[in-house]
């Protein structure tokens, strides 16, 4: 099989490898949580549980550290 990758997929290939590398610490910006909540509010993400509960569960399940929000 031959696969022709567009730029987006080609770059994501490197991101996935970095995410899978156990030597890397993975951090999540609090702005990402805020952006997800905005998308939920706008109806672009549909949940079957309250948004706050979803965020809590997502943070528990993902192997990420939450970065502090600083100036």
PDB file of N, CA and C in Angstrom:
ATOM      1  N   UNK A   1       0.842  -1.162   0.000  1.00  0.00           N
ATOM      2  CA  UNK A   1       0.000   0.000   0.000  1.00  0.00           C
ATOM      3  C   UNK A   1       0.898   1.239   0.000  1.00  0.00           C
ATOM      4  N   UNK A   2       0.517   2.235  -0.756  1.00  0.00           N
ATOM      5  CA  UNK A   2       1.215   3.520  -0.770  1.00  0.00           C
ATOM      6  C   UNK A   2       0.329   4.568  -0.124  1.00  0.00           C
ATOM      7  N   UNK A   3       0.923   5.352   0.737  1.00  0.00           N
ATOM      8  CA  UNK A   3       0.182   6.420   1.409  1.00  0.00           C
ATOM      9  C   UNK A   3       0.843   7.748   1.071  1.00  0.00           C
ATOM     10  N   UNK A   4       0.058   8.697   0.618  1.00  0.00           N
ATOM     11  CA  UNK A   4       0.557  10.045   0.346  1.00  0.00           C
ATOM     12  C   UNK A   4       0.105  10.942   1.487  1.00  0.00           C
ATOM     13  N   UNK A   5       1.054  11.443   2.264  1.00  0.00           N
ATOM     14  CA  UNK A   5       0.741  12.250   3.438  1.00  0.00           C
ATOM     15  C   UNK A   5       0.686  13.721   3.074  1.00  0.00           C
ATOM     16  N   UNK A   6      -0.342  14.410   3.587  1.00  0.00           N
ATOM     17  CA  UNK A   6      -0.336  15.863   3.453  1.00  0.00           C
ATOM     18  C   UNK A   6       0.507  16.433   4.594  1.00  0.00           C
ATOM     19  N   UNK A   7       0.726  17.724   4.584  1.00  0.00           N
ATOM     20  CA  UNK A   7       1.609  18.364   5.565  1.00  0.00           C
ATOM     21  C   UNK A   7       1.136  18.120   6.991  1.00  0.00           C
ATOM     22  N   UNK A   8      -0.159  18.237   7.216  1.00  0.00           N
ATOM     23  CA  UNK A   8      -0.739  18.061   8.550  1.00  0.00           C
ATOM     24  C   UNK A   8      -0.401  16.679   9.114  1.00  0.00           C
ATOM     25  N   UNK A   9      -0.642  15.648   8.341  1.00  0.00           N
ATOM     26  CA  UNK A   9      -0.382  14.283   8.801  1.00  0.00           C
ATOM     27  C   UNK A   9       1.117  14.036   8.950  1.00  0.00           C
ATOM     28  N   UNK A  10       1.909  14.579   8.052  1.00  0.00           N
ATOM     29  CA  UNK A  10       3.357  14.412   8.122  1.00  0.00           C
ATOM     30  C   UNK A  10       3.904  14.986   9.433  1.00  0.00           C
ATOM     31  N   UNK A  11       3.457  16.194   9.802  1.00  0.00           N
ATOM     32  CA  UNK A  11       3.904  16.813  11.048  1.00  0.00           C
ATOM     33  C   UNK A  11       3.375  16.044  12.250  1.00  0.00           C
ATOM     34  N   UNK A  12       2.115  15.608  12.210  1.00  0.00           N
ATOM     35  CA  UNK A  12       1.540  14.853  13.320  1.00  0.00           C
ATOM     36  C   UNK A  12       2.275  13.541  13.555  1.00  0.00           C
ATOM     37  N   UNK A  13       2.875  12.988  12.522  1.00  0.00           N
ATOM     38  CA  UNK A  13       3.668  11.776  12.682  1.00  0.00           C
ATOM     39  C   UNK A  13       4.776  12.002  13.716  1.00  0.00           C
ATOM     40  N   UNK A  14       5.415  13.168  13.669  1.00  0.00           N
ATOM     41  CA  UNK A  14       6.474  13.489  14.636  1.00  0.00           C
ATOM     42  C   UNK A  14       5.889  13.749  16.023  1.00  0.00           C
ATOM     43  N   UNK A  15       4.743  14.375  16.072  1.00  0.00           N
ATOM     44  CA  UNK A  15       4.088  14.645  17.352  1.00  0.00           C
ATOM     45  C   UNK A  15       3.716  13.339  18.041  1.00  0.00           C
ATOM     46  N   UNK A  16       3.152  12.414  17.291  1.00  0.00           N
ATOM     47  CA  UNK A  16       2.758  11.122  17.864  1.00  0.00           C
ATOM     48  C   UNK A  16       3.975  10.394  18.426  1.00  0.00           C
ATOM     49  N   UNK A  17       5.070  10.409  17.681  1.00  0.00           N
ATOM     50  CA  UNK A  17       6.291   9.757  18.170  1.00  0.00           C
ATOM     51  C   UNK A  17       6.762  10.397  19.465  1.00  0.00           C
ATOM     52  N   UNK A  18       6.688  11.717  19.557  1.00  0.00           N
ATOM     53  CA  UNK A  18       7.099  12.406  20.783  1.00  0.00           C
ATOM     54  C   UNK A  18       6.157  12.065  21.936  1.00  0.00           C
ATOM     55  N   UNK A  19       4.868  11.955  21.657  1.00  0.00           N
ATOM     56  CA  UNK A  19       3.897  11.611  22.697  1.00  0.00           C
ATOM     57  C   UNK A  19       4.093  10.184  23.205  1.00  0.00           C
ATOM     58  N   UNK A  20       4.502   9.295  22.324  1.00  0.00           N
ATOM     59  CA  UNK A  20       4.686   7.890  22.696  1.00  0.00           C
ATOM     60  C   UNK A  20       6.008   7.632  23.413  1.00  0.00           C
ATOM     61  N   UNK A  21       6.936   8.573  23.347  1.00  0.00           N
ATOM     62  CA  UNK A  21       8.233   8.407  23.986  1.00  0.00           C
ATOM     63  C   UNK A  21       8.077   8.594  25.495  1.00  0.00           C
ATOM     64  N   UNK A  22       8.288   7.534  26.246  1.00  0.00           N
ATOM     65  CA  UNK A  22       8.084   7.568  27.700  1.00  0.00           C
ATOM     66  C   UNK A  22       9.062   8.488  28.426  1.00  0.00           C
ATOM     67  N   UNK A  23      10.134   8.894  27.763  1.00  0.00           N
ATOM     68  CA  UNK A  23      11.109   9.806  28.372  1.00  0.00           C
ATOM     69  C   UNK A  23      10.597  11.244  28.408  1.00  0.00           C
ATOM     70  N   UNK A  24       9.577  11.546  27.612  1.00  0.00           N
ATOM     71  CA  UNK A  24       9.057  12.914  27.528  1.00  0.00           C
ATOM     72  C   UNK A  24       7.978  13.155  28.573  1.00  0.00           C
ATOM     73  N   UNK A  25       8.025  14.318  29.197  1.00  0.00           N
ATOM     74  CA  UNK A  25       6.930  14.771  30.065  1.00  0.00           C
ATOM     75  C   UNK A  25       5.931  15.480  29.172  1.00  0.00           C
ATOM     76  N   UNK A  26       4.671  15.182  29.370  1.00  0.00           N
ATOM     77  CA  UNK A  26       3.636  15.805  28.547  1.00  0.00           C
ATOM     78  C   UNK A  26       2.850  16.770  29.424  1.00  0.00           C
ATOM     79  N   UNK A  27       2.808  18.019  28.977  1.00  0.00           N
ATOM     80  CA  UNK A  27       2.142  19.080  29.720  1.00  0.00           C
ATOM     81  C   UNK A  27       0.953  19.588  28.927  1.00  0.00           C
ATOM     82  N   UNK A  28      -0.069  20.024  29.638  1.00  0.00           N
ATOM     83  CA  UNK A  28      -1.264  20.590  29.025  1.00  0.00           C
ATOM     84  C   UNK A  28      -1.446  22.015  29.527  1.00  0.00           C
ATOM     85  N   UNK A  29      -1.638  22.929  28.601  1.00  0.00           N
ATOM     86  CA  UNK A  29      -1.872  24.317  28.960  1.00  0.00           C
ATOM     87  C   UNK A  29      -3.294  24.470  29.503  1.00  0.00           C
ATOM     88  N   UNK A  30      -3.474  25.287  30.549  1.00  0.00           N
ATOM     89  CA  UNK A  30      -4.831  25.548  31.028  1.00  0.00           C
ATOM     90  C   UNK A  30      -5.674  26.239  29.955  1.00  0.00           C
ATOM     91  N   UNK A  31      -5.027  26.905  29.007  1.00  0.00           N
ATOM     92  CA  UNK A  31      -5.757  27.538  27.911  1.00  0.00           C
ATOM     93  C   UNK A  31      -6.431  26.475  27.048  1.00  0.00           C
ATOM     94  N   UNK A  32      -5.824  25.298  26.926  1.00  0.00           N
ATOM     95  CA  UNK A  32      -6.435  24.208  26.158  1.00  0.00           C
ATOM     96  C   UNK A  32      -7.739  23.752  26.803  1.00  0.00           C
ATOM     97  N   UNK A  33      -7.752  23.685  28.117  1.00  0.00           N
ATOM     98  CA  UNK A  33      -8.987  23.318  28.829  1.00  0.00           C
ATOM     99  C   UNK A  33     -10.039  24.390  28.582  1.00  0.00           C
ATOM    100  N   UNK A  34      -9.643  25.635  28.671  1.00  0.00           N
ATOM    101  CA  UNK A  34     -10.555  26.759  28.425  1.00  0.00           C
ATOM    102  C   UNK A  34     -11.118  26.696  27.005  1.00  0.00           C
ATOM    103  N   UNK A  35     -10.243  26.433  26.028  1.00  0.00           N
ATOM    104  CA  UNK A  35     -10.698  26.340  24.634  1.00  0.00           C
ATOM    105  C   UNK A  35     -11.685  25.192  24.446  1.00  0.00           C
ATOM    106  N   UNK A  36     -11.417  24.059  25.088  1.00  0.00           N
ATOM    107  CA  UNK A  36     -12.349  22.925  25.002  1.00  0.00           C
ATOM    108  C   UNK A  36     -13.704  23.310  25.584  1.00  0.00           C
ATOM    109  N   UNK A  37     -13.704  24.020  26.703  1.00  0.00           N
ATOM    110  CA  UNK A  37     -14.971  24.446  27.315  1.00  0.00           C
ATOM    111  C   UNK A  37     -15.733  25.409  26.406  1.00  0.00           C
ATOM    112  N   UNK A  38     -15.022  26.268  25.695  1.00  0.00           N
ATOM    113  CA  UNK A  38     -15.676  27.170  24.739  1.00  0.00           C
ATOM    114  C   UNK A  38     -16.312  26.369  23.604  1.00  0.00           C
ATOM    115  N   UNK A  39     -15.598  25.373  23.087  1.00  0.00           N
ATOM    116  CA  UNK A  39     -16.148  24.540  22.017  1.00  0.00           C
ATOM    117  C   UNK A  39     -17.380  23.769  22.482  1.00  0.00           C
ATOM    118  N   UNK A  40     -17.362  23.324  23.735  1.00  0.00           N
ATOM    119  CA  UNK A  40     -18.537  22.649  24.309  1.00  0.00           C
ATOM    120  C   UNK A  40     -19.694  23.627  24.390  1.00  0.00           C
ATOM    121  N   UNK A  41     -19.411  24.830  24.876  1.00  0.00           N
ATOM    122  CA  UNK A  41     -20.433  25.866  25.014  1.00  0.00           C
ATOM    123  C   UNK A  41     -21.065  26.217  23.660  1.00  0.00           C
ATOM    124  N   UNK A  42     -20.252  26.248  22.609  1.00  0.00           N
ATOM    125  CA  UNK A  42     -20.742  26.581  21.269  1.00  0.00           C
ATOM    126  C   UNK A  42     -21.432  25.410  20.583  1.00  0.00           C
ATOM    127  N   UNK A  43     -21.392  24.223  21.209  1.00  0.00           N
ATOM    128  CA  UNK A  43     -22.025  23.053  20.627  1.00  0.00           C
ATOM    129  C   UNK A  43     -21.170  22.332  19.593  1.00  0.00           C
ATOM    130  N   UNK A  44     -19.890  22.690  19.519  1.00  0.00           N
ATOM    131  CA  UNK A  44     -18.996  22.028  18.554  1.00  0.00           C
ATOM    132  C   UNK A  44     -18.434  20.734  19.112  1.00  0.00           C
ATOM    133  N   UNK A  45     -18.522  20.570  20.429  1.00  0.00           N
ATOM    134  CA  UNK A  45     -18.225  19.300  21.093  1.00  0.00           C
ATOM    135  C   UNK A  45     -19.467  18.966  21.907  1.00  0.00           C
ATOM    136  N   UNK A  46     -19.997  17.773  21.696  1.00  0.00           N
ATOM    137  CA  UNK A  46     -21.201  17.328  22.400  1.00  0.00           C
ATOM    138  C   UNK A  46     -20.791  16.292  23.449  1.00  0.00           C
ATOM    139  N   UNK A  47     -21.214  16.506  24.672  1.00  0.00           N
ATOM    140  CA  UNK A  47     -20.896  15.594  25.769  1.00  0.00           C
ATOM    141  C   UNK A  47     -22.175  14.996  26.337  1.00  0.00           C
ATOM    142  N   UNK A  48     -22.037  13.843  26.962  1.00  0.00           N
ATOM    143  CA  UNK A  48     -23.186  13.247  27.647  1.00  0.00           C
ATOM    144  C   UNK A  48     -23.065  13.380  29.163  1.00  0.00           C
ATOM    145  N   UNK A  49     -22.064  14.154  29.605  1.00  0.00           N
ATOM    146  CA  UNK A  49     -21.887  14.455  31.024  1.00  0.00           C
ATOM    147  C   UNK A  49     -21.581  15.946  31.143  1.00  0.00           C
ATOM    148  N   UNK A  50     -21.718  16.521  32.325  1.00  0.00           N
ATOM    149  CA  UNK A  50     -21.397  17.940  32.489  1.00  0.00           C
ATOM    150  C   UNK A  50     -19.945  18.237  32.108  1.00  0.00           C
ATOM    151  N   UNK A  51     -19.694  19.404  31.515  1.00  0.00           N
ATOM    152  CA  UNK A  51     -18.342  19.746  31.067  1.00  0.00           C
ATOM    153  C   UNK A  51     -17.280  19.646  32.156  1.00  0.00           C
ATOM    154  N   UNK A  52     -17.598  20.104  33.355  1.00  0.00           N
ATOM    155  CA  UNK A  52     -16.626  20.064  34.446  1.00  0.00           C
ATOM    156  C   UNK A  52     -16.235  18.621  34.767  1.00  0.00           C
ATOM    157  N   UNK A  53     -17.218  17.723  34.739  1.00  0.00           N
ATOM    158  CA  UNK A  53     -16.957  16.304  34.996  1.00  0.00           C
ATOM    159  C   UNK A  53     -16.107  15.711  33.876  1.00  0.00           C
ATOM    160  N   UNK A  54     -16.394  16.108  32.633  1.00  0.00           N
ATOM    161  CA  UNK A  54     -15.616  15.618  31.491  1.00  0.00           C
ATOM    162  C   UNK A  54     -14.154  16.044  31.610  1.00  0.00           C
ATOM    163  N   UNK A  55     -13.920  17.314  31.942  1.00  0.00           N
ATOM    164  CA  UNK A  55     -12.552  17.818  32.087  1.00  0.00           C
ATOM    165  C   UNK A  55     -11.830  17.039  33.184  1.00  0.00           C
ATOM    166  N   UNK A  56     -12.482  16.853  34.307  1.00  0.00           N
ATOM    167  CA  UNK A  56     -11.879  16.122  35.417  1.00  0.00           C
ATOM    168  C   UNK A  56     -11.500  14.702  34.993  1.00  0.00           C
ATOM    169  N   UNK A  57     -12.416  14.011  34.317  1.00  0.00           N
ATOM    170  CA  UNK A  57     -12.138  12.646  33.869  1.00  0.00           C
ATOM    171  C   UNK A  57     -11.037  12.611  32.812  1.00  0.00           C
ATOM    172  N   UNK A  58     -11.072  13.564  31.893  1.00  0.00           N
ATOM    173  CA  UNK A  58     -10.062  13.607  30.830  1.00  0.00           C
ATOM    174  C   UNK A  58      -8.671  13.820  31.420  1.00  0.00           C
ATOM    175  N   UNK A  59      -8.564  14.691  32.410  1.00  0.00           N
ATOM    176  CA  UNK A  59      -7.264  14.952  33.031  1.00  0.00           C
ATOM    177  C   UNK A  59      -6.776  13.754  33.842  1.00  0.00           C
ATOM    178  N   UNK A  60      -7.708  12.995  34.423  1.00  0.00           N
ATOM    179  CA  UNK A  60      -7.326  11.790  35.172  1.00  0.00           C
ATOM    180  C   UNK A  60      -6.843  10.689  34.239  1.00  0.00           C
ATOM    181  N   UNK A  61      -7.454  10.578  33.056  1.00  0.00           N
ATOM    182  CA  UNK A  61      -7.141   9.490  32.126  1.00  0.00           C
ATOM    183  C   UNK A  61      -5.911   9.776  31.266  1.00  0.00           C
ATOM    184  N   UNK A  62      -5.653  11.027  30.991  1.00  0.00           N
ATOM    185  CA  UNK A  62      -4.521  11.370  30.124  1.00  0.00           C
ATOM    186  C   UNK A  62      -3.246  11.459  30.941  1.00  0.00           C
ATOM    187  N   UNK A  63      -2.148  11.005  30.384  1.00  0.00           N
ATOM    188  CA  UNK A  63      -0.886  11.091  31.122  1.00  0.00           C
ATOM    189  C   UNK A  63      -0.244  12.470  30.953  1.00  0.00           C
ATOM    190  N   UNK A  64      -0.939  13.495  31.432  1.00  0.00           N
ATOM    191  CA  UNK A  64      -0.433  14.858  31.275  1.00  0.00           C
ATOM    192  C   UNK A  64      -0.326  15.550  32.626  1.00  0.00           C
ATOM    193  N   UNK A  65       0.531  16.523  32.654  1.00  0.00           N
ATOM    194  CA  UNK A  65       0.628  17.429  33.795  1.00  0.00           C
ATOM    195  C   UNK A  65       0.027  18.749  33.357  1.00  0.00           C
ATOM    196  N   UNK A  66      -0.693  19.382  34.236  1.00  0.00           N
ATOM    197  CA  UNK A  66      -1.277  20.677  33.856  1.00  0.00           C
ATOM    198  C   UNK A  66      -0.300  21.794  34.205  1.00  0.00           C
ATOM    199  N   UNK A  67       0.008  22.589  33.225  1.00  0.00           N
ATOM    200  CA  UNK A  67       0.928  23.701  33.422  1.00  0.00           C
ATOM    201  C   UNK A  67       0.222  24.814  34.185  1.00  0.00           C
ATOM    202  N   UNK A  68       0.952  25.527  35.005  1.00  0.00           N
ATOM    203  CA  UNK A  68       0.332  26.646  35.719  1.00  0.00           C
ATOM    204  C   UNK A  68       0.115  27.825  34.755  1.00  0.00           C
ATOM    205  N   UNK A  69      -0.891  28.585  35.040  1.00  0.00           N
ATOM    206  CA  UNK A  69      -1.158  29.797  34.273  1.00  0.00           C
ATOM    207  C   UNK A  69      -0.417  30.934  34.953  1.00  0.00           C
ATOM    208  N   UNK A  70       0.525  31.516  34.231  1.00  0.00           N
ATOM    209  CA  UNK A  70       1.337  32.589  34.790  1.00  0.00           C
ATOM    210  C   UNK A  70       1.260  33.811  33.899  1.00  0.00           C
ATOM    211  N   UNK A  71       1.817  34.909  34.394  1.00  0.00           N
ATOM    212  CA  UNK A  71       1.832  36.154  33.615  1.00  0.00           C
ATOM    213  C   UNK A  71       2.751  36.038  32.441  1.00  0.00           C
TER     214      UNK A  71
END
